[in-house]
């Protein structure tokens, strides 16, 4: 899993949104994501099959059970 892109998030929050440090650090990830979409628009390209399969492997709907 990739680490959270803190540098880009802070650049957007401070540089684009002109937030104070206090306001930025009080944002939830969902609020930050909503601000990014509001400013830049949503994703125009749906996931391709490979990206979808990668997400399924990373976040399975159920846990695999070991068989003896």
PDB file of N, CA and C in Angstrom:
ATOM      1  N   UNK A   1       0.835  -1.169   0.000  1.00  0.00           N
ATOM      2  CA  UNK A   1       0.000   0.000   0.000  1.00  0.00           C
ATOM      3  C   UNK A   1       0.891   1.247   0.000  1.00  0.00           C
ATOM      4  N   UNK A   2       0.510   2.230  -0.779  1.00  0.00           N
ATOM      5  CA  UNK A   2       1.266   3.477  -0.837  1.00  0.00           C
ATOM      6  C   UNK A   2       0.997   4.298   0.419  1.00  0.00           C
ATOM      7  N   UNK A   3       2.005   5.004   0.917  1.00  0.00           N
ATOM      8  CA  UNK A   3       1.770   5.892   2.054  1.00  0.00           C
ATOM      9  C   UNK A   3       0.902   7.077   1.634  1.00  0.00           C
ATOM     10  N   UNK A   4       0.233   7.682   2.599  1.00  0.00           N
ATOM     11  CA  UNK A   4      -0.605   8.839   2.309  1.00  0.00           C
ATOM     12  C   UNK A   4       0.267   9.971   1.771  1.00  0.00           C
ATOM     13  N   UNK A   5      -0.170  10.656   0.716  1.00  0.00           N
ATOM     14  CA  UNK A   5       0.640  11.726   0.117  1.00  0.00           C
ATOM     15  C   UNK A   5       0.534  13.040   0.903  1.00  0.00           C
ATOM     16  N   UNK A   6       1.172  13.060   2.072  1.00  0.00           N
ATOM     17  CA  UNK A   6       1.057  14.237   2.951  1.00  0.00           C
ATOM     18  C   UNK A   6       1.577  15.502   2.293  1.00  0.00           C
ATOM     19  N   UNK A   7       2.681  15.430   1.576  1.00  0.00           N
ATOM     20  CA  UNK A   7       3.242  16.639   0.958  1.00  0.00           C
ATOM     21  C   UNK A   7       2.238  17.263  -0.005  1.00  0.00           C
ATOM     22  N   UNK A   8       1.624  16.443  -0.854  1.00  0.00           N
ATOM     23  CA  UNK A   8       0.643  16.957  -1.808  1.00  0.00           C
ATOM     24  C   UNK A   8      -0.599  17.483  -1.093  1.00  0.00           C
ATOM     25  N   UNK A   9      -1.035  16.785  -0.053  1.00  0.00           N
ATOM     26  CA  UNK A   9      -2.215  17.231   0.702  1.00  0.00           C
ATOM     27  C   UNK A   9      -1.963  18.583   1.350  1.00  0.00           C
ATOM     28  N   UNK A  10      -0.779  18.744   1.945  1.00  0.00           N
ATOM     29  CA  UNK A  10      -0.454  20.019   2.585  1.00  0.00           C
ATOM     30  C   UNK A  10      -0.302  21.130   1.547  1.00  0.00           C
ATOM     31  N   UNK A  11       0.318  20.826   0.412  1.00  0.00           N
ATOM     32  CA  UNK A  11       0.449  21.832  -0.644  1.00  0.00           C
ATOM     33  C   UNK A  11      -0.919  22.304  -1.115  1.00  0.00           C
ATOM     34  N   UNK A  12      -1.845  21.375  -1.267  1.00  0.00           N
ATOM     35  CA  UNK A  12      -3.196  21.737  -1.696  1.00  0.00           C
ATOM     36  C   UNK A  12      -3.904  22.544  -0.613  1.00  0.00           C
ATOM     37  N   UNK A  13      -3.843  22.053   0.621  1.00  0.00           N
ATOM     38  CA  UNK A  13      -4.536  22.731   1.712  1.00  0.00           C
ATOM     39  C   UNK A  13      -4.013  24.128   1.982  1.00  0.00           C
ATOM     40  N   UNK A  14      -2.699  24.261   2.040  1.00  0.00           N
ATOM     41  CA  UNK A  14      -2.111  25.565   2.348  1.00  0.00           C
ATOM     42  C   UNK A  14      -2.023  26.461   1.112  1.00  0.00           C
ATOM     43  N   UNK A  15      -1.589  25.887  -0.004  1.00  0.00           N
ATOM     44  CA  UNK A  15      -1.356  26.694  -1.196  1.00  0.00           C
ATOM     45  C   UNK A  15      -2.601  27.022  -1.998  1.00  0.00           C
ATOM     46  N   UNK A  16      -3.445  26.015  -2.227  1.00  0.00           N
ATOM     47  CA  UNK A  16      -4.632  26.220  -3.058  1.00  0.00           C
ATOM     48  C   UNK A  16      -5.807  26.740  -2.230  1.00  0.00           C
ATOM     49  N   UNK A  17      -6.088  26.057  -1.125  1.00  0.00           N
ATOM     50  CA  UNK A  17      -7.232  26.452  -0.308  1.00  0.00           C
ATOM     51  C   UNK A  17      -6.926  27.598   0.647  1.00  0.00           C
ATOM     52  N   UNK A  18      -5.628  27.884   0.831  1.00  0.00           N
ATOM     53  CA  UNK A  18      -5.202  28.965   1.730  1.00  0.00           C
ATOM     54  C   UNK A  18      -5.686  28.743   3.174  1.00  0.00           C
ATOM     55  N   UNK A  19      -5.649  27.492   3.621  1.00  0.00           N
ATOM     56  CA  UNK A  19      -6.081  27.163   4.979  1.00  0.00           C
ATOM     57  C   UNK A  19      -4.990  27.484   5.984  1.00  0.00           C
ATOM     58  N   UNK A  20      -5.402  27.812   7.198  1.00  0.00           N
ATOM     59  CA  UNK A  20      -4.439  27.935   8.289  1.00  0.00           C
ATOM     60  C   UNK A  20      -4.022  26.520   8.700  1.00  0.00           C
ATOM     61  N   UNK A  21      -2.934  26.423   9.437  1.00  0.00           N
ATOM     62  CA  UNK A  21      -2.506  25.108   9.927  1.00  0.00           C
ATOM     63  C   UNK A  21      -3.600  24.460  10.759  1.00  0.00           C
ATOM     64  N   UNK A  22      -4.213  25.245  11.624  1.00  0.00           N
ATOM     65  CA  UNK A  22      -5.271  24.722  12.485  1.00  0.00           C
ATOM     66  C   UNK A  22      -6.433  24.177  11.657  1.00  0.00           C
ATOM     67  N   UNK A  23      -6.871  24.938  10.666  1.00  0.00           N
ATOM     68  CA  UNK A  23      -7.998  24.494   9.833  1.00  0.00           C
ATOM     69  C   UNK A  23      -7.629  23.245   9.033  1.00  0.00           C
ATOM     70  N   UNK A  24      -6.405  23.209   8.491  1.00  0.00           N
ATOM     71  CA  UNK A  24      -5.989  22.049   7.709  1.00  0.00           C
ATOM     72  C   UNK A  24      -5.988  20.782   8.557  1.00  0.00           C
ATOM     73  N   UNK A  25      -5.376  20.829   9.732  1.00  0.00           N
ATOM     74  CA  UNK A  25      -5.238  19.627  10.550  1.00  0.00           C
ATOM     75  C   UNK A  25      -6.549  19.204  11.192  1.00  0.00           C
ATOM     76  N   UNK A  26      -7.547  20.052  11.172  1.00  0.00           N
ATOM     77  CA  UNK A  26      -8.879  19.665  11.670  1.00  0.00           C
ATOM     78  C   UNK A  26      -9.730  18.991  10.589  1.00  0.00           C
ATOM     79  N   UNK A  27      -9.309  19.082   9.333  1.00  0.00           N
ATOM     80  CA  UNK A  27     -10.052  18.430   8.251  1.00  0.00           C
ATOM     81  C   UNK A  27     -10.012  16.918   8.403  1.00  0.00           C
ATOM     82  N   UNK A  28     -11.105  16.285   8.081  1.00  0.00           N
ATOM     83  CA  UNK A  28     -11.092  14.824   7.961  1.00  0.00           C
ATOM     84  C   UNK A  28     -10.608  14.489   6.551  1.00  0.00           C
ATOM     85  N   UNK A  29     -10.113  13.280   6.325  1.00  0.00           N
ATOM     86  CA  UNK A  29      -9.724  12.901   4.961  1.00  0.00           C
ATOM     87  C   UNK A  29     -10.877  13.053   3.963  1.00  0.00           C
ATOM     88  N   UNK A  30     -12.087  12.762   4.401  1.00  0.00           N
ATOM     89  CA  UNK A  30     -13.245  12.903   3.514  1.00  0.00           C
ATOM     90  C   UNK A  30     -13.491  14.366   3.140  1.00  0.00           C
ATOM     91  N   UNK A  31     -13.311  15.265   4.107  1.00  0.00           N
ATOM     92  CA  UNK A  31     -13.475  16.687   3.829  1.00  0.00           C
ATOM     93  C   UNK A  31     -12.395  17.184   2.861  1.00  0.00           C
ATOM     94  N   UNK A  32     -11.170  16.736   3.062  1.00  0.00           N
ATOM     95  CA  UNK A  32     -10.090  17.118   2.157  1.00  0.00           C
ATOM     96  C   UNK A  32     -10.369  16.603   0.752  1.00  0.00           C
ATOM     97  N   UNK A  33     -10.817  15.362   0.642  1.00  0.00           N
ATOM     98  CA  UNK A  33     -11.145  14.792  -0.666  1.00  0.00           C
ATOM     99  C   UNK A  33     -12.266  15.580  -1.337  1.00  0.00           C
ATOM    100  N   UNK A  34     -13.277  15.972  -0.565  1.00  0.00           N
ATOM    101  CA  UNK A  34     -14.378  16.760  -1.127  1.00  0.00           C
ATOM    102  C   UNK A  34     -13.878  18.113  -1.630  1.00  0.00           C
ATOM    103  N   UNK A  35     -12.957  18.726  -0.900  1.00  0.00           N
ATOM    104  CA  UNK A  35     -12.399  20.014  -1.324  1.00  0.00           C
ATOM    105  C   UNK A  35     -11.606  19.861  -2.622  1.00  0.00           C
ATOM    106  N   UNK A  36     -10.860  18.778  -2.737  1.00  0.00           N
ATOM    107  CA  UNK A  36     -10.083  18.535  -3.959  1.00  0.00           C
ATOM    108  C   UNK A  36     -11.015  18.348  -5.146  1.00  0.00           C
ATOM    109  N   UNK A  37     -12.074  17.563  -4.978  1.00  0.00           N
ATOM    110  CA  UNK A  37     -13.041  17.337  -6.060  1.00  0.00           C
ATOM    111  C   UNK A  37     -13.743  18.644  -6.413  1.00  0.00           C
ATOM    112  N   UNK A  38     -14.117  19.435  -5.397  1.00  0.00           N
ATOM    113  CA  UNK A  38     -14.784  20.703  -5.666  1.00  0.00           C
ATOM    114  C   UNK A  38     -13.898  21.640  -6.473  1.00  0.00           C
ATOM    115  N   UNK A  39     -12.621  21.606  -6.208  1.00  0.00           N
ATOM    116  CA  UNK A  39     -11.679  22.509  -6.883  1.00  0.00           C
ATOM    117  C   UNK A  39     -11.274  21.995  -8.261  1.00  0.00           C
ATOM    118  N   UNK A  40     -11.057  20.681  -8.377  1.00  0.00           N
ATOM    119  CA  UNK A  40     -10.510  20.108  -9.617  1.00  0.00           C
ATOM    120  C   UNK A  40     -11.484  19.218 -10.376  1.00  0.00           C
ATOM    121  N   UNK A  41     -12.634  18.964  -9.816  1.00  0.00           N
ATOM    122  CA  UNK A  41     -13.586  18.070 -10.461  1.00  0.00           C
ATOM    123  C   UNK A  41     -13.312  16.622 -10.098  1.00  0.00           C
ATOM    124  N   UNK A  42     -14.280  15.783 -10.349  1.00  0.00           N
ATOM    125  CA  UNK A  42     -14.154  14.364 -10.028  1.00  0.00           C
ATOM    126  C   UNK A  42     -13.328  13.631 -11.069  1.00  0.00           C
ATOM    127  N   UNK A  43     -13.099  12.378 -10.804  1.00  0.00           N
ATOM    128  CA  UNK A  43     -12.342  11.547 -11.725  1.00  0.00           C
ATOM    129  C   UNK A  43     -13.194  11.265 -12.958  1.00  0.00           C
ATOM    130  N   UNK A  44     -12.673  11.575 -14.120  1.00  0.00           N
ATOM    131  CA  UNK A  44     -13.408  11.364 -15.358  1.00  0.00           C
ATOM    132  C   UNK A  44     -13.212   9.954 -15.909  1.00  0.00           C
ATOM    133  N   UNK A  45     -12.178   9.272 -15.447  1.00  0.00           N
ATOM    134  CA  UNK A  45     -11.849   7.953 -15.972  1.00  0.00           C
ATOM    135  C   UNK A  45     -12.175   6.885 -14.946  1.00  0.00           C
ATOM    136  N   UNK A  46     -13.049   5.936 -15.300  1.00  0.00           N
ATOM    137  CA  UNK A  46     -13.326   4.844 -14.363  1.00  0.00           C
ATOM    138  C   UNK A  46     -12.116   3.923 -14.233  1.00  0.00           C
ATOM    139  N   UNK A  47     -12.112   3.120 -13.172  1.00  0.00           N
ATOM    140  CA  UNK A  47     -11.037   2.156 -12.982  1.00  0.00           C
ATOM    141  C   UNK A  47     -11.023   1.146 -14.110  1.00  0.00           C
ATOM    142  N   UNK A  48      -9.828   0.779 -14.544  1.00  0.00           N
ATOM    143  CA  UNK A  48      -9.750  -0.324 -15.489  1.00  0.00           C
ATOM    144  C   UNK A  48      -9.734  -1.635 -14.691  1.00  0.00           C
ATOM    145  N   UNK A  49      -9.810  -2.738 -15.379  1.00  0.00           N
ATOM    146  CA  UNK A  49      -9.915  -4.041 -14.712  1.00  0.00           C
ATOM    147  C   UNK A  49      -8.708  -4.336 -13.836  1.00  0.00           C
ATOM    148  N   UNK A  50      -7.525  -3.997 -14.290  1.00  0.00           N
ATOM    149  CA  UNK A  50      -6.312  -4.269 -13.514  1.00  0.00           C
ATOM    150  C   UNK A  50      -6.322  -3.489 -12.201  1.00  0.00           C
ATOM    151  N   UNK A  51      -6.727  -2.229 -12.251  1.00  0.00           N
ATOM    152  CA  UNK A  51      -6.790  -1.415 -11.033  1.00  0.00           C
ATOM    153  C   UNK A  51      -7.861  -1.951 -10.087  1.00  0.00           C
ATOM    154  N   UNK A  52      -8.993  -2.368 -10.647  1.00  0.00           N
ATOM    155  CA  UNK A  52     -10.065  -2.944  -9.834  1.00  0.00           C
ATOM    156  C   UNK A  52      -9.602  -4.232  -9.161  1.00  0.00           C
ATOM    157  N   UNK A  53      -8.934  -5.093  -9.910  1.00  0.00           N
ATOM    158  CA  UNK A  53      -8.420  -6.343  -9.342  1.00  0.00           C
ATOM    159  C   UNK A  53      -7.397  -6.071  -8.242  1.00  0.00           C
ATOM    160  N   UNK A  54      -6.562  -5.054  -8.435  1.00  0.00           N
ATOM    161  CA  UNK A  54      -5.582  -4.692  -7.407  1.00  0.00           C
ATOM    162  C   UNK A  54      -6.286  -4.240  -6.128  1.00  0.00           C
ATOM    163  N   UNK A  55      -7.348  -3.475  -6.267  1.00  0.00           N
ATOM    164  CA  UNK A  55      -8.117  -3.052  -5.088  1.00  0.00           C
ATOM    165  C   UNK A  55      -8.772  -4.247  -4.396  1.00  0.00           C
ATOM    166  N   UNK A  56      -9.278  -5.177  -5.175  1.00  0.00           N
ATOM    167  CA  UNK A  56      -9.885  -6.376  -4.584  1.00  0.00           C
ATOM    168  C   UNK A  56      -8.866  -7.185  -3.786  1.00  0.00           C
ATOM    169  N   UNK A  57      -7.639  -7.275  -4.301  1.00  0.00           N
ATOM    170  CA  UNK A  57      -6.604  -7.998  -3.571  1.00  0.00           C
ATOM    171  C   UNK A  57      -6.214  -7.240  -2.296  1.00  0.00           C
ATOM    172  N   UNK A  58      -6.154  -5.929  -2.398  1.00  0.00           N
ATOM    173  CA  UNK A  58      -5.747  -5.112  -1.255  1.00  0.00           C
ATOM    174  C   UNK A  58      -6.838  -5.037  -0.188  1.00  0.00           C
ATOM    175  N   UNK A  59      -8.092  -5.005  -0.616  1.00  0.00           N
ATOM    176  CA  UNK A  59      -9.222  -4.869   0.304  1.00  0.00           C
ATOM    177  C   UNK A  59     -10.280  -5.927  -0.016  1.00  0.00           C
ATOM    178  N   UNK A  60      -9.992  -7.185   0.322  1.00  0.00           N
ATOM    179  CA  UNK A  60     -10.953  -8.254  -0.006  1.00  0.00           C
ATOM    180  C   UNK A  60     -12.260  -8.081   0.772  1.00  0.00           C
ATOM    181  N   UNK A  61     -13.351  -8.539   0.148  1.00  0.00           N
ATOM    182  CA  UNK A  61     -14.658  -8.467   0.808  1.00  0.00           C
ATOM    183  C   UNK A  61     -14.734  -9.382   2.022  1.00  0.00           C
ATOM    184  N   UNK A  62     -13.993 -10.468   1.979  1.00  0.00           N
ATOM    185  CA  UNK A  62     -13.962 -11.377   3.126  1.00  0.00           C
ATOM    186  C   UNK A  62     -12.554 -11.925   3.267  1.00  0.00           C
ATOM    187  N   UNK A  63     -12.255 -12.353   4.460  1.00  0.00           N
ATOM    188  CA  UNK A  63     -10.917 -12.873   4.707  1.00  0.00           C
ATOM    189  C   UNK A  63     -10.810 -14.289   4.172  1.00  0.00           C
ATOM    190  N   UNK A  64      -9.649 -14.585   3.641  1.00  0.00           N
ATOM    191  CA  UNK A  64      -9.367 -15.936   3.186  1.00  0.00           C
ATOM    192  C   UNK A  64      -9.205 -16.831   4.394  1.00  0.00           C
ATOM    193  N   UNK A  65      -9.737 -18.040   4.335  1.00  0.00           N
ATOM    194  CA  UNK A  65      -9.581 -18.989   5.425  1.00  0.00           C
ATOM    195  C   UNK A  65      -8.584 -20.055   4.995  1.00  0.00           C
ATOM    196  N   UNK A  66      -7.675 -20.337   5.911  1.00  0.00           N
ATOM    197  CA  UNK A  66      -6.677 -21.378   5.626  1.00  0.00           C
ATOM    198  C   UNK A  66      -7.351 -22.738   5.703  1.00  0.00           C
ATOM    199  N   UNK A  67      -7.053 -23.591   4.734  1.00  0.00           N
ATOM    200  CA  UNK A  67      -7.591 -24.948   4.706  1.00  0.00           C
ATOM    201  C   UNK A  67      -6.490 -25.909   5.109  1.00  0.00           C
ATOM    202  N   UNK A  68      -6.792 -26.799   6.044  1.00  0.00           N
ATOM    203  CA  UNK A  68      -5.808 -27.783   6.509  1.00  0.00           C
ATOM    204  C   UNK A  68      -5.712 -28.946   5.582  1.00  0.00           C
TER     205      UNK A  68
END
